[in-house]
Amino acid sequence: MKIFIYKTLILFIAALLLFKLTFVNLIKEYESKILTNFGKERLEYTKIKLKDEIQNSLKKDKILSDEDAKLLREFFIKIKNEIYPKN
């Protein structure tokens, strides 16, 4: 009976150690990536940068190229036709 308990205890410890070394470290790695990419400072920087880019584009005479304008126009027409179908 003692041998069964020892083997079970060793197997449990080995499984716990294996779990901790694989899954827990993997989860922590992804968690740190998420925090660095979506941290408060990073979001504030992106917000400020976006505002600056919008202000710079408003100073320009023409924001879109002719090709981009045509593409957006066709896209908006397609969306409008899906929202308001012709019956």
PDB file of N, CA and C in Angstrom:
ATOM      1  N   MET A   1       0.818  -1.185   0.000  1.00  0.00           N
ATOM      2  CA  MET A   1       0.000   0.000   0.000  1.00  0.00           C
ATOM      3  C   MET A   1       0.870   1.260   0.000  1.00  0.00           C
ATOM      4  N   LYS A   2       1.999   1.192   0.742  1.00  0.00           N
ATOM      5  CA  LYS A   2       2.895   2.340   0.796  1.00  0.00           C
ATOM      6  C   LYS A   2       3.460   2.650  -0.586  1.00  0.00           C
ATOM      7  N   ILE A   3       3.810   1.629  -1.338  1.00  0.00           N
ATOM      8  CA  ILE A   3       4.405   1.822  -2.659  1.00  0.00           C
ATOM      9  C   ILE A   3       3.401   2.503  -3.593  1.00  0.00           C
ATOM     10  N   PHE A   4       2.130   2.119  -3.525  1.00  0.00           N
ATOM     11  CA  PHE A   4       1.097   2.730  -4.343  1.00  0.00           C
ATOM     12  C   PHE A   4       0.979   4.218  -4.027  1.00  0.00           C
ATOM     13  N   ILE A   5       0.982   4.582  -2.770  1.00  0.00           N
ATOM     14  CA  ILE A   5       0.882   5.985  -2.358  1.00  0.00           C
ATOM     15  C   ILE A   5       2.104   6.762  -2.836  1.00  0.00           C
ATOM     16  N   TYR A   6       3.291   6.196  -2.695  1.00  0.00           N
ATOM     17  CA  TYR A   6       4.508   6.872  -3.149  1.00  0.00           C
ATOM     18  C   TYR A   6       4.484   7.077  -4.669  1.00  0.00           C
ATOM     19  N   LYS A   7       4.100   6.045  -5.405  1.00  0.00           N
ATOM     20  CA  LYS A   7       4.050   6.153  -6.865  1.00  0.00           C
ATOM     21  C   LYS A   7       3.015   7.197  -7.296  1.00  0.00           C
ATOM     22  N   THR A   8       1.869   7.183  -6.641  1.00  0.00           N
ATOM     23  CA  THR A   8       0.821   8.151  -6.955  1.00  0.00           C
ATOM     24  C   THR A   8       1.292   9.564  -6.650  1.00  0.00           C
ATOM     25  N   LEU A   9       1.960   9.749  -5.530  1.00  0.00           N
ATOM     26  CA  LEU A   9       2.475  11.062  -5.148  1.00  0.00           C
ATOM     27  C   LEU A   9       3.534  11.542  -6.130  1.00  0.00           C
ATOM     28  N   ILE A  10       4.439  10.676  -6.524  1.00  0.00           N
ATOM     29  CA  ILE A  10       5.479  11.037  -7.494  1.00  0.00           C
ATOM     30  C   ILE A  10       4.854  11.372  -8.846  1.00  0.00           C
ATOM     31  N   LEU A  11       3.878  10.592  -9.281  1.00  0.00           N
ATOM     32  CA  LEU A  11       3.203  10.848 -10.549  1.00  0.00           C
ATOM     33  C   LEU A  11       2.454  12.173 -10.515  1.00  0.00           C
ATOM     34  N   PHE A  12       1.809  12.461  -9.406  1.00  0.00           N
ATOM     35  CA  PHE A  12       1.079  13.720  -9.259  1.00  0.00           C
ATOM     36  C   PHE A  12       2.036  14.907  -9.310  1.00  0.00           C
ATOM     37  N   ILE A  13       3.145  14.815  -8.610  1.00  0.00           N
ATOM     38  CA  ILE A  13       4.141  15.898  -8.604  1.00  0.00           C
ATOM     39  C   ILE A  13       4.738  16.092  -9.997  1.00  0.00           C
ATOM     40  N   ALA A  14       5.007  14.993 -10.686  1.00  0.00           N
ATOM     41  CA  ALA A  14       5.564  15.076 -12.038  1.00  0.00           C
ATOM     42  C   ALA A  14       4.556  15.724 -12.991  1.00  0.00           C
ATOM     43  N   ALA A  15       3.291  15.347 -12.883  1.00  0.00           N
ATOM     44  CA  ALA A  15       2.260  15.939 -13.740  1.00  0.00           C
ATOM     45  C   ALA A  15       2.095  17.422 -13.440  1.00  0.00           C
ATOM     46  N   LEU A  16       2.110  17.785 -12.178  1.00  0.00           N
ATOM     47  CA  LEU A  16       1.996  19.188 -11.781  1.00  0.00           C
ATOM     48  C   LEU A  16       3.185  19.998 -12.289  1.00  0.00           C
ATOM     49  N   LEU A  17       4.366  19.455 -12.184  1.00  0.00           N
ATOM     50  CA  LEU A  17       5.572  20.130 -12.660  1.00  0.00           C
ATOM     51  C   LEU A  17       5.533  20.293 -14.182  1.00  0.00           C
ATOM     52  N   LEU A  18       5.126  19.248 -14.874  1.00  0.00           N
ATOM     53  CA  LEU A  18       5.017  19.315 -16.327  1.00  0.00           C
ATOM     54  C   LEU A  18       3.994  20.369 -16.750  1.00  0.00           C
ATOM     55  N   PHE A  19       2.862  20.423 -16.080  1.00  0.00           N
ATOM     56  CA  PHE A  19       1.836  21.424 -16.377  1.00  0.00           C
ATOM     57  C   PHE A  19       2.376  22.829 -16.168  1.00  0.00           C
ATOM     58  N   LYS A  20       3.057  23.031 -15.049  1.00  0.00           N
ATOM     59  CA  LYS A  20       3.584  24.358 -14.733  1.00  0.00           C
ATOM     60  C   LYS A  20       4.646  24.787 -15.734  1.00  0.00           C
ATOM     61  N   LEU A  21       5.489  23.872 -16.142  1.00  0.00           N
ATOM     62  CA  LEU A  21       6.559  24.224 -17.078  1.00  0.00           C
ATOM     63  C   LEU A  21       6.049  24.483 -18.490  1.00  0.00           C
ATOM     64  N   THR A  22       4.936  23.910 -18.864  1.00  0.00           N
ATOM     65  CA  THR A  22       4.448  24.085 -20.227  1.00  0.00           C
ATOM     66  C   THR A  22       3.344  25.133 -20.301  1.00  0.00           C
ATOM     67  N   PHE A  23       2.198  24.833 -19.775  1.00  0.00           N
ATOM     68  CA  PHE A  23       1.041  25.692 -19.960  1.00  0.00           C
ATOM     69  C   PHE A  23       1.131  27.012 -19.208  1.00  0.00           C
ATOM     70  N   VAL A  24       1.580  27.008 -17.993  1.00  0.00           N
ATOM     71  CA  VAL A  24       1.631  28.240 -17.209  1.00  0.00           C
ATOM     72  C   VAL A  24       2.622  29.218 -17.835  1.00  0.00           C
ATOM     73  N   ASN A  25       3.778  28.738 -18.275  1.00  0.00           N
ATOM     74  CA  ASN A  25       4.745  29.628 -18.912  1.00  0.00           C
ATOM     75  C   ASN A  25       4.226  30.147 -20.242  1.00  0.00           C
ATOM     76  N   LEU A  26       3.522  29.318 -20.981  1.00  0.00           N
ATOM     77  CA  LEU A  26       2.939  29.740 -22.251  1.00  0.00           C
ATOM     78  C   LEU A  26       1.880  30.814 -22.027  1.00  0.00           C
ATOM     79  N   ILE A  27       1.053  30.635 -21.021  1.00  0.00           N
ATOM     80  CA  ILE A  27       0.025  31.623 -20.697  1.00  0.00           C
ATOM     81  C   ILE A  27       0.660  32.933 -20.263  1.00  0.00           C
ATOM     82  N   LYS A  28       1.687  32.870 -19.449  1.00  0.00           N
ATOM     83  CA  LYS A  28       2.358  34.093 -19.003  1.00  0.00           C
ATOM     84  C   LYS A  28       3.014  34.828 -20.168  1.00  0.00           C
ATOM     85  N   GLU A  29       3.550  34.079 -21.111  1.00  0.00           N
ATOM     86  CA  GLU A  29       4.182  34.691 -22.288  1.00  0.00           C
ATOM     87  C   GLU A  29       3.152  35.466 -23.112  1.00  0.00           C
ATOM     88  N   TYR A  30       2.003  34.852 -23.364  1.00  0.00           N
ATOM     89  CA  TYR A  30       0.963  35.536 -24.127  1.00  0.00           C
ATOM     90  C   TYR A  30       0.383  36.709 -23.345  1.00  0.00           C
ATOM     91  N   GLU A  31       0.267  36.560 -22.050  1.00  0.00           N
ATOM     92  CA  GLU A  31      -0.238  37.645 -21.224  1.00  0.00           C
ATOM     93  C   GLU A  31       0.687  38.852 -21.283  1.00  0.00           C
ATOM     94  N   SER A  32       1.983  38.619 -21.236  1.00  0.00           N
ATOM     95  CA  SER A  32       2.925  39.738 -21.315  1.00  0.00           C
ATOM     96  C   SER A  32       2.889  40.394 -22.693  1.00  0.00           C
ATOM     97  N   LYS A  33       2.706  39.604 -23.762  1.00  0.00           N
ATOM     98  CA  LYS A  33       2.584  40.180 -25.100  1.00  0.00           C
ATOM     99  C   LYS A  33       1.345  41.061 -25.203  1.00  0.00           C
ATOM    100  N   ILE A  34       0.243  40.603 -24.650  1.00  0.00           N
ATOM    101  CA  ILE A  34      -0.999  41.381 -24.693  1.00  0.00           C
ATOM    102  C   ILE A  34      -0.833  42.675 -23.910  1.00  0.00           C
ATOM    103  N   LEU A  35      -0.226  42.597 -22.745  1.00  0.00           N
ATOM    104  CA  LEU A  35      -0.058  43.797 -21.933  1.00  0.00           C
ATOM    105  C   LEU A  35       0.869  44.810 -22.586  1.00  0.00           C
ATOM    106  N   THR A  36       1.915  44.340 -23.289  1.00  0.00           N
ATOM    107  CA  THR A  36       2.806  45.295 -23.941  1.00  0.00           C
ATOM    108  C   THR A  36       2.147  45.911 -25.168  1.00  0.00           C
ATOM    109  N   ASN A  37       1.324  45.155 -25.878  1.00  0.00           N
ATOM    110  CA  ASN A  37       0.682  45.702 -27.073  1.00  0.00           C
ATOM    111  C   ASN A  37      -0.550  46.544 -26.764  1.00  0.00           C
ATOM    112  N   PHE A  38      -1.242  46.243 -25.688  1.00  0.00           N
ATOM    113  CA  PHE A  38      -2.465  46.953 -25.362  1.00  0.00           C
ATOM    114  C   PHE A  38      -2.408  47.619 -23.995  1.00  0.00           C
ATOM    115  N   GLY A  39      -1.228  48.007 -23.589  1.00  0.00           N
ATOM    116  CA  GLY A  39      -1.083  48.703 -22.316  1.00  0.00           C
ATOM    117  C   GLY A  39      -1.621  50.118 -22.414  1.00  0.00           C
ATOM    118  N   LYS A  40      -1.820  50.733 -21.282  1.00  0.00           N
ATOM    119  CA  LYS A  40      -2.402  52.077 -21.238  1.00  0.00           C
ATOM    120  C   LYS A  40      -1.517  53.091 -21.950  1.00  0.00           C
ATOM    121  N   GLU A  41      -0.210  53.011 -21.745  1.00  0.00           N
ATOM    122  CA  GLU A  41       0.701  53.954 -22.381  1.00  0.00           C
ATOM    123  C   GLU A  41       0.684  53.785 -23.893  1.00  0.00           C
ATOM    124  N   ARG A  42       0.656  52.539 -24.343  1.00  0.00           N
ATOM    125  CA  ARG A  42       0.651  52.254 -25.783  1.00  0.00           C
ATOM    126  C   ARG A  42      -0.634  52.774 -26.430  1.00  0.00           C
ATOM    127  N   LEU A  43      -1.770  52.598 -25.760  1.00  0.00           N
ATOM    128  CA  LEU A  43      -3.034  53.094 -26.290  1.00  0.00           C
ATOM    129  C   LEU A  43      -3.062  54.620 -26.329  1.00  0.00           C
ATOM    130  N   GLU A  44      -2.520  55.258 -25.311  1.00  0.00           N
ATOM    131  CA  GLU A  44      -2.449  56.723 -25.301  1.00  0.00           C
ATOM    132  C   GLU A  44      -1.567  57.225 -26.437  1.00  0.00           C
ATOM    133  N   TYR A  45      -0.433  56.569 -26.659  1.00  0.00           N
ATOM    134  CA  TYR A  45       0.464  56.955 -27.747  1.00  0.00           C
ATOM    135  C   TYR A  45      -0.236  56.812 -29.093  1.00  0.00           C
ATOM    136  N   THR A  46      -0.961  55.714 -29.287  1.00  0.00           N
ATOM    137  CA  THR A  46      -1.684  55.480 -30.534  1.00  0.00           C
ATOM    138  C   THR A  46      -2.774  56.521 -30.730  1.00  0.00           C
ATOM    139  N   LYS A  47      -3.457  56.878 -29.665  1.00  0.00           N
ATOM    140  CA  LYS A  47      -4.515  57.883 -29.729  1.00  0.00           C
ATOM    141  C   LYS A  47      -3.943  59.243 -30.137  1.00  0.00           C
ATOM    142  N   ILE A  48      -2.842  59.634 -29.539  1.00  0.00           N
ATOM    143  CA  ILE A  48      -2.207  60.910 -29.867  1.00  0.00           C
ATOM    144  C   ILE A  48      -1.705  60.907 -31.304  1.00  0.00           C
ATOM    145  N   LYS A  49      -1.082  59.812 -31.703  1.00  0.00           N
ATOM    146  CA  LYS A  49      -0.564  59.692 -33.066  1.00  0.00           C
ATOM    147  C   LYS A  49      -1.699  59.771 -34.090  1.00  0.00           C
ATOM    148  N   LEU A  50      -2.826  59.132 -33.807  1.00  0.00           N
ATOM    149  CA  LEU A  50      -3.974  59.167 -34.706  1.00  0.00           C
ATOM    150  C   LEU A  50      -4.525  60.584 -34.838  1.00  0.00           C
ATOM    151  N   LYS A  51      -4.619  61.301 -33.720  1.00  0.00           N
ATOM    152  CA  LYS A  51      -5.081  62.689 -33.766  1.00  0.00           C
ATOM    153  C   LYS A  51      -4.149  63.548 -34.608  1.00  0.00           C
ATOM    154  N   ASP A  52      -2.849  63.368 -34.440  1.00  0.00           N
ATOM    155  CA  ASP A  52      -1.877  64.129 -35.230  1.00  0.00           C
ATOM    156  C   ASP A  52      -2.020  63.851 -36.718  1.00  0.00           C
ATOM    157  N   GLU A  53      -2.199  62.579 -37.068  1.00  0.00           N
ATOM    158  CA  GLU A  53      -2.352  62.217 -38.473  1.00  0.00           C
ATOM    159  C   GLU A  53      -3.628  62.798 -39.063  1.00  0.00           C
ATOM    160  N   ILE A  54      -4.699  62.820 -38.305  1.00  0.00           N
ATOM    161  CA  ILE A  54      -5.958  63.408 -38.787  1.00  0.00           C
ATOM    162  C   ILE A  54      -5.787  64.902 -38.992  1.00  0.00           C
ATOM    163  N   GLN A  55      -5.137  65.566 -38.048  1.00  0.00           N
ATOM    164  CA  GLN A  55      -4.903  67.002 -38.198  1.00  0.00           C
ATOM    165  C   GLN A  55      -4.019  67.298 -39.405  1.00  0.00           C
ATOM    166  N   ASN A  56      -3.008  66.506 -39.638  1.00  0.00           N
ATOM    167  CA  ASN A  56      -2.139  66.703 -40.799  1.00  0.00           C
ATOM    168  C   ASN A  56      -2.888  66.465 -42.104  1.00  0.00           C
ATOM    169  N   SER A  57      -3.763  65.473 -42.120  1.00  0.00           N
ATOM    170  CA  SER A  57      -4.503  65.192 -43.348  1.00  0.00           C
ATOM    171  C   SER A  57      -5.533  66.274 -43.635  1.00  0.00           C
ATOM    172  N   LEU A  58      -6.070  66.925 -42.601  1.00  0.00           N
ATOM    173  CA  LEU A  58      -7.032  68.006 -42.819  1.00  0.00           C
ATOM    174  C   LEU A  58      -6.366  69.236 -43.428  1.00  0.00           C
ATOM    175  N   LYS A  59      -5.086  69.389 -43.227  1.00  0.00           N
ATOM    176  CA  LYS A  59      -4.351  70.520 -43.804  1.00  0.00           C
ATOM    177  C   LYS A  59      -4.082  70.322 -45.292  1.00  0.00           C
ATOM    178  N   LYS A  60      -4.136  69.091 -45.747  1.00  0.00           N
ATOM    179  CA  LYS A  60      -3.873  68.801 -47.155  1.00  0.00           C
ATOM    180  C   LYS A  60      -5.073  69.201 -48.012  1.00  0.00           C
ATOM    181  N   ASP A  61      -4.785  69.521 -49.268  1.00  0.00           N
ATOM    182  CA  ASP A  61      -5.849  69.887 -50.196  1.00  0.00           C
ATOM    183  C   ASP A  61      -6.657  68.662 -50.605  1.00  0.00           C
ATOM    184  N   LYS A  62      -5.969  67.536 -50.836  1.00  0.00           N
ATOM    185  CA  LYS A  62      -6.625  66.313 -51.267  1.00  0.00           C
ATOM    186  C   LYS A  62      -6.095  65.161 -50.406  1.00  0.00           C
ATOM    187  N   ILE A  63      -6.997  64.483 -49.712  1.00  0.00           N
ATOM    188  CA  ILE A  63      -6.589  63.429 -48.788  1.00  0.00           C
ATOM    189  C   ILE A  63      -6.383  62.099 -49.518  1.00  0.00           C
ATOM    190  N   LEU A  64      -7.323  61.729 -50.374  1.00  0.00           N
ATOM    191  CA  LEU A  64      -7.284  60.431 -51.054  1.00  0.00           C
ATOM    192  C   LEU A  64      -6.769  60.580 -52.479  1.00  0.00           C
ATOM    193  N   SER A  65      -6.117  59.532 -52.933  1.00  0.00           N
ATOM    194  CA  SER A  65      -5.748  59.501 -54.341  1.00  0.00           C
ATOM    195  C   SER A  65      -6.990  59.151 -55.151  1.00  0.00           C
ATOM    196  N   ASP A  66      -6.933  59.354 -56.465  1.00  0.00           N
ATOM    197  CA  ASP A  66      -8.089  59.072 -57.313  1.00  0.00           C
ATOM    198  C   ASP A  66      -8.466  57.588 -57.253  1.00  0.00           C
ATOM    199  N   GLU A  67      -7.466  56.731 -57.219  1.00  0.00           N
ATOM    200  CA  GLU A  67      -7.725  55.294 -57.157  1.00  0.00           C
ATOM    201  C   GLU A  67      -8.398  54.904 -55.841  1.00  0.00           C
ATOM    202  N   ASP A  68      -7.918  55.470 -54.731  1.00  0.00           N
ATOM    203  CA  ASP A  68      -8.519  55.171 -53.426  1.00  0.00           C
ATOM    204  C   ASP A  68      -9.947  55.697 -53.340  1.00  0.00           C
ATOM    205  N   ALA A  69     -10.177  56.889 -53.891  1.00  0.00           N
ATOM    206  CA  ALA A  69     -11.522  57.469 -53.873  1.00  0.00           C
ATOM    207  C   ALA A  69     -12.493  56.602 -54.673  1.00  0.00           C
ATOM    208  N   LYS A  70     -12.052  56.117 -55.835  1.00  0.00           N
ATOM    209  CA  LYS A  70     -12.911  55.265 -56.655  1.00  0.00           C
ATOM    210  C   LYS A  70     -13.220  53.956 -55.925  1.00  0.00           C
ATOM    211  N   LEU A  71     -12.216  53.380 -55.292  1.00  0.00           N
ATOM    212  CA  LEU A  71     -12.403  52.136 -54.556  1.00  0.00           C
ATOM    213  C   LEU A  71     -13.383  52.307 -53.405  1.00  0.00           C
ATOM    214  N   LEU A  72     -13.237  53.388 -52.643  1.00  0.00           N
ATOM    215  CA  LEU A  72     -14.154  53.643 -51.525  1.00  0.00           C
ATOM    216  C   LEU A  72     -15.573  53.898 -52.023  1.00  0.00           C
ATOM    217  N   ARG A  73     -15.705  54.633 -53.137  1.00  0.00           N
ATOM    218  CA  ARG A  73     -17.023  54.905 -53.694  1.00  0.00           C
ATOM    219  C   ARG A  73     -17.722  53.601 -54.060  1.00  0.00           C
ATOM    220  N   GLU A  74     -17.023  52.698 -54.734  1.00  0.00           N
ATOM    221  CA  GLU A  74     -17.615  51.417 -55.112  1.00  0.00           C
ATOM    222  C   GLU A  74     -17.973  50.586 -53.885  1.00  0.00           C
ATOM    223  N   PHE A  75     -17.133  50.649 -52.856  1.00  0.00           N
ATOM    224  CA  PHE A  75     -17.402  49.926 -51.614  1.00  0.00           C
ATOM    225  C   PHE A  75     -18.658  50.465 -50.931  1.00  0.00           C
ATOM    226  N   PHE A  76     -18.795  51.792 -50.851  1.00  0.00           N
ATOM    227  CA  PHE A  76     -19.967  52.390 -50.211  1.00  0.00           C
ATOM    228  C   PHE A  76     -21.250  52.092 -50.994  1.00  0.00           C
ATOM    229  N   ILE A  77     -21.147  52.087 -52.315  1.00  0.00           N
ATOM    230  CA  ILE A  77     -22.317  51.752 -53.132  1.00  0.00           C
ATOM    231  C   ILE A  77     -22.743  50.310 -52.863  1.00  0.00           C
ATOM    232  N   LYS A  78     -21.781  49.413 -52.753  1.00  0.00           N
ATOM    233  CA  LYS A  78     -22.099  48.012 -52.475  1.00  0.00           C
ATOM    234  C   LYS A  78     -22.769  47.861 -51.105  1.00  0.00           C
ATOM    235  N   ILE A  79     -22.257  48.563 -50.103  1.00  0.00           N
ATOM    236  CA  ILE A  79     -22.868  48.515 -48.763  1.00  0.00           C
ATOM    237  C   ILE A  79     -24.277  49.079 -48.804  1.00  0.00           C
ATOM    238  N   LYS A  80     -24.454  50.218 -49.509  1.00  0.00           N
ATOM    239  CA  LYS A  80     -25.780  50.829 -49.612  1.00  0.00           C
ATOM    240  C   LYS A  80     -26.766  49.870 -50.271  1.00  0.00           C
ATOM    241  N   ASN A  81     -26.332  49.164 -51.309  1.00  0.00           N
ATOM    242  CA  ASN A  81     -27.228  48.208 -51.992  1.00  0.00           C
ATOM    243  C   ASN A  81     -27.570  47.025 -51.106  1.00  0.00           C
ATOM    244  N   GLU A  82     -26.674  46.637 -50.204  1.00  0.00           N
ATOM    245  CA  GLU A  82     -26.986  45.542 -49.279  1.00  0.00           C
ATOM    246  C   GLU A  82     -27.928  45.999 -48.166  1.00  0.00           C
ATOM    247  N   ILE A  83     -27.791  47.254 -47.765  1.00  0.00           N
ATOM    248  CA  ILE A  83     -28.664  47.777 -46.701  1.00  0.00           C
ATOM    249  C   ILE A  83     -30.049  48.071 -47.244  1.00  0.00           C
ATOM    250  N   TYR A  84     -30.108  48.719 -48.405  1.00  0.00           N
ATOM    251  CA  TYR A  84     -31.369  49.070 -49.037  1.00  0.00           C
ATOM    252  C   TYR A  84     -31.504  48.319 -50.359  1.00  0.00           C
ATOM    253  N   PRO A  85     -31.878  47.046 -50.321  1.00  0.00           N
ATOM    254  CA  PRO A  85     -31.968  46.278 -51.561  1.00  0.00           C
ATOM    255  C   PRO A  85     -33.111  46.788 -52.452  1.00  0.00           C
ATOM    256  N   LYS A  86     -32.919  46.672 -53.761  1.00  0.00           N
ATOM    257  CA  LYS A  86     -33.938  47.086 -54.716  1.00  0.00           C
ATOM    258  C   LYS A  86     -34.911  45.923 -54.885  1.00  0.00           C
ATOM    259  N   ASN A  87     -36.167  46.162 -54.501  1.00  0.00           N
ATOM    260  CA  ASN A  87     -37.178  45.099 -54.603  1.00  0.00           C
ATOM    261  C   ASN A  87     -38.078  45.352 -55.793  1.00  0.00           C
TER     262      ASN A  87
END
